[in-house]
Amino acid sequence: MGSSTVFYAIGDFMQDYAFLPLEWIGHKFNYFLIVVGFVGLFYWLNYQRKFNEAAKNNPDQLK
């Protein structure tokens, strides 16, 4: 039994069993992160718009 047999056995295990949950998930996790990123972006832009309106209406602030 040489070392190549051990390494091939580890490789076969990884291909057959270890990465199986990743194949089940597929691209769903990536799509989830993209959606969460856009929701966060629009949330932040909404707060930025509110802060800009408050700054425009306050003449006593430092600029």
N, C-alpha and C. Protein backbone atom coordinates (compact mmCIF):
# COMPACT_ATOMS: atom_id res chain seq x y z
N MET A 1 0.86 -1.18 0.00
CA MET A 1 0.00 0.00 0.00
C MET A 1 0.90 1.23 0.00
N GLY A 2 0.89 1.93 -1.10
CA GLY A 2 1.73 3.11 -1.22
C GLY A 2 0.97 4.35 -0.80
N SER A 3 1.70 5.44 -0.79
CA SER A 3 1.10 6.70 -0.39
C SER A 3 0.06 7.19 -1.40
N SER A 4 0.24 6.81 -2.66
CA SER A 4 -0.75 7.25 -3.67
C SER A 4 -2.12 6.63 -3.41
N THR A 5 -2.15 5.43 -2.87
CA THR A 5 -3.44 4.80 -2.54
C THR A 5 -4.15 5.59 -1.46
N VAL A 6 -3.41 6.04 -0.47
CA VAL A 6 -3.99 6.83 0.61
C VAL A 6 -4.50 8.16 0.07
N PHE A 7 -3.71 8.82 -0.76
CA PHE A 7 -4.12 10.11 -1.29
C PHE A 7 -5.31 9.99 -2.23
N TYR A 8 -5.34 8.94 -3.03
CA TYR A 8 -6.51 8.72 -3.88
C TYR A 8 -7.76 8.42 -3.05
N ALA A 9 -7.60 7.69 -1.95
CA ALA A 9 -8.73 7.40 -1.07
C ALA A 9 -9.26 8.69 -0.43
N ILE A 10 -8.37 9.56 -0.01
CA ILE A 10 -8.80 10.84 0.56
C ILE A 10 -9.50 11.68 -0.49
N GLY A 11 -8.97 11.71 -1.70
CA GLY A 11 -9.58 12.47 -2.78
C GLY A 11 -10.96 11.93 -3.15
N ASP A 12 -11.09 10.62 -3.19
CA ASP A 12 -12.40 10.02 -3.49
C ASP A 12 -13.42 10.34 -2.41
N PHE A 13 -12.97 10.30 -1.14
CA PHE A 13 -13.87 10.64 -0.05
C PHE A 13 -14.34 12.09 -0.16
N MET A 14 -13.40 12.99 -0.44
CA MET A 14 -13.75 14.40 -0.55
C MET A 14 -14.75 14.63 -1.68
N GLN A 15 -14.55 14.01 -2.81
CA GLN A 15 -15.45 14.20 -3.95
C GLN A 15 -16.81 13.60 -3.69
N ASP A 16 -16.85 12.45 -3.02
CA ASP A 16 -18.12 11.73 -2.87
C ASP A 16 -18.94 12.20 -1.69
N TYR A 17 -18.29 12.54 -0.56
CA TYR A 17 -19.06 12.80 0.65
C TYR A 17 -18.84 14.19 1.25
N ALA A 18 -17.63 14.66 1.28
CA ALA A 18 -17.34 15.89 2.01
C ALA A 18 -17.96 17.12 1.35
N PHE A 19 -18.01 17.17 0.02
CA PHE A 19 -18.53 18.33 -0.67
C PHE A 19 -19.98 18.18 -1.09
N LEU A 20 -20.62 17.11 -0.65
CA LEU A 20 -22.01 16.87 -1.01
C LEU A 20 -22.96 17.96 -0.50
N PRO A 21 -22.81 18.45 0.75
CA PRO A 21 -23.70 19.56 1.18
C PRO A 21 -23.54 20.81 0.34
N LEU A 22 -22.34 21.06 -0.17
CA LEU A 22 -22.13 22.24 -1.01
C LEU A 22 -22.89 22.11 -2.33
N GLU A 23 -23.00 20.89 -2.83
CA GLU A 23 -23.76 20.68 -4.06
C GLU A 23 -25.26 20.86 -3.80
N TRP A 24 -25.72 20.48 -2.61
CA TRP A 24 -27.14 20.67 -2.28
C TRP A 24 -27.47 22.16 -2.17
N ILE A 25 -26.55 22.91 -1.59
CA ILE A 25 -26.80 24.35 -1.42
C ILE A 25 -26.77 25.04 -2.78
N GLY A 26 -25.82 24.69 -3.60
CA GLY A 26 -25.70 25.29 -4.93
C GLY A 26 -25.42 26.78 -4.84
N HIS A 27 -26.14 27.54 -5.63
CA HIS A 27 -25.93 28.99 -5.67
C HIS A 27 -26.92 29.74 -4.78
N LYS A 28 -27.72 29.02 -4.03
CA LYS A 28 -28.72 29.68 -3.18
C LYS A 28 -28.08 30.62 -2.17
N PHE A 29 -26.98 30.22 -1.58
CA PHE A 29 -26.31 31.07 -0.60
C PHE A 29 -25.78 32.34 -1.24
N ASN A 30 -25.24 32.23 -2.44
CA ASN A 30 -24.74 33.42 -3.14
C ASN A 30 -25.88 34.38 -3.45
N TYR A 31 -27.00 33.85 -3.92
CA TYR A 31 -28.15 34.71 -4.21
C TYR A 31 -28.67 35.37 -2.93
N PHE A 32 -28.67 34.63 -1.84
CA PHE A 32 -29.10 35.18 -0.55
C PHE A 32 -28.21 36.36 -0.15
N LEU A 33 -26.90 36.21 -0.29
CA LEU A 33 -25.99 37.29 0.07
C LEU A 33 -26.16 38.51 -0.83
N ILE A 34 -26.44 38.31 -2.09
CA ILE A 34 -26.67 39.43 -3.00
C ILE A 34 -27.92 40.19 -2.59
N VAL A 35 -28.99 39.47 -2.27
CA VAL A 35 -30.23 40.11 -1.86
C VAL A 35 -30.03 40.87 -0.56
N VAL A 36 -29.37 40.26 0.42
CA VAL A 36 -29.12 40.93 1.69
C VAL A 36 -28.25 42.17 1.47
N GLY A 37 -27.30 42.09 0.58
CA GLY A 37 -26.45 43.25 0.29
C GLY A 37 -27.24 44.41 -0.31
N PHE A 38 -28.15 44.12 -1.22
CA PHE A 38 -28.96 45.19 -1.81
C PHE A 38 -29.94 45.77 -0.80
N VAL A 39 -30.52 44.93 0.05
CA VAL A 39 -31.42 45.44 1.10
C VAL A 39 -30.65 46.36 2.03
N GLY A 40 -29.44 45.96 2.42
CA GLY A 40 -28.61 46.81 3.27
C GLY A 40 -28.22 48.11 2.58
N LEU A 41 -27.94 48.04 1.29
CA LEU A 41 -27.59 49.24 0.54
C LEU A 41 -28.74 50.24 0.53
N PHE A 42 -29.94 49.77 0.23
CA PHE A 42 -31.08 50.68 0.18
C PHE A 42 -31.46 51.20 1.57
N TYR A 43 -31.26 50.39 2.60
CA TYR A 43 -31.48 50.84 3.97
C TYR A 43 -30.52 51.97 4.31
N TRP A 44 -29.24 51.78 3.97
CA TRP A 44 -28.25 52.80 4.25
C TRP A 44 -28.51 54.07 3.43
N LEU A 45 -28.88 53.91 2.15
CA LEU A 45 -29.16 55.09 1.32
C LEU A 45 -30.35 55.86 1.84
N ASN A 46 -31.35 55.17 2.38
CA ASN A 46 -32.50 55.86 2.95
C ASN A 46 -32.08 56.69 4.16
N TYR A 47 -31.26 56.14 5.05
CA TYR A 47 -30.77 56.91 6.19
C TYR A 47 -29.89 58.07 5.73
N GLN A 48 -29.10 57.87 4.70
CA GLN A 48 -28.25 58.96 4.20
C GLN A 48 -29.10 60.09 3.65
N ARG A 49 -30.19 59.76 2.97
CA ARG A 49 -31.10 60.79 2.46
C ARG A 49 -31.70 61.59 3.62
N LYS A 50 -32.10 60.90 4.69
CA LYS A 50 -32.66 61.59 5.86
C LYS A 50 -31.62 62.50 6.51
N PHE A 51 -30.38 62.04 6.62
CA PHE A 51 -29.33 62.86 7.21
C PHE A 51 -29.02 64.08 6.34
N ASN A 52 -29.05 63.91 5.03
CA ASN A 52 -28.81 65.05 4.13
C ASN A 52 -29.92 66.09 4.23
N GLU A 53 -31.17 65.63 4.35
CA GLU A 53 -32.29 66.56 4.52
C GLU A 53 -32.17 67.31 5.84
N ALA A 54 -31.80 66.61 6.91
CA ALA A 54 -31.63 67.26 8.21
C ALA A 54 -30.48 68.27 8.16
N ALA A 55 -29.42 67.96 7.47
CA ALA A 55 -28.28 68.88 7.36
C ALA A 55 -28.64 70.09 6.52
N LYS A 56 -29.47 69.89 5.51
CA LYS A 56 -29.86 71.01 4.66
C LYS A 56 -30.76 71.99 5.42
N ASN A 57 -31.56 71.48 6.34
CA ASN A 57 -32.50 72.32 7.08
C ASN A 57 -31.90 72.93 8.34
N ASN A 58 -30.67 72.62 8.68
CA ASN A 58 -30.05 73.14 9.90
C ASN A 58 -28.92 74.09 9.52
N PRO A 59 -29.17 75.40 9.62
CA PRO A 59 -28.12 76.37 9.22
C PRO A 59 -27.02 76.54 10.26
N ASP A 60 -27.19 76.06 11.48
CA ASP A 60 -26.22 76.28 12.55
C ASP A 60 -25.12 75.22 12.60
N GLN A 61 -25.10 74.30 11.70
CA GLN A 61 -24.10 73.23 11.76
C GLN A 61 -22.79 73.66 11.14
N LEU A 62 -21.73 73.00 11.53
CA LEU A 62 -20.42 73.26 10.97
C LEU A 62 -20.27 72.47 9.67
N LYS A 63 -19.70 73.12 8.67
CA LYS A 63 -19.48 72.45 7.38
C LYS A 63 -18.04 72.48 7.00
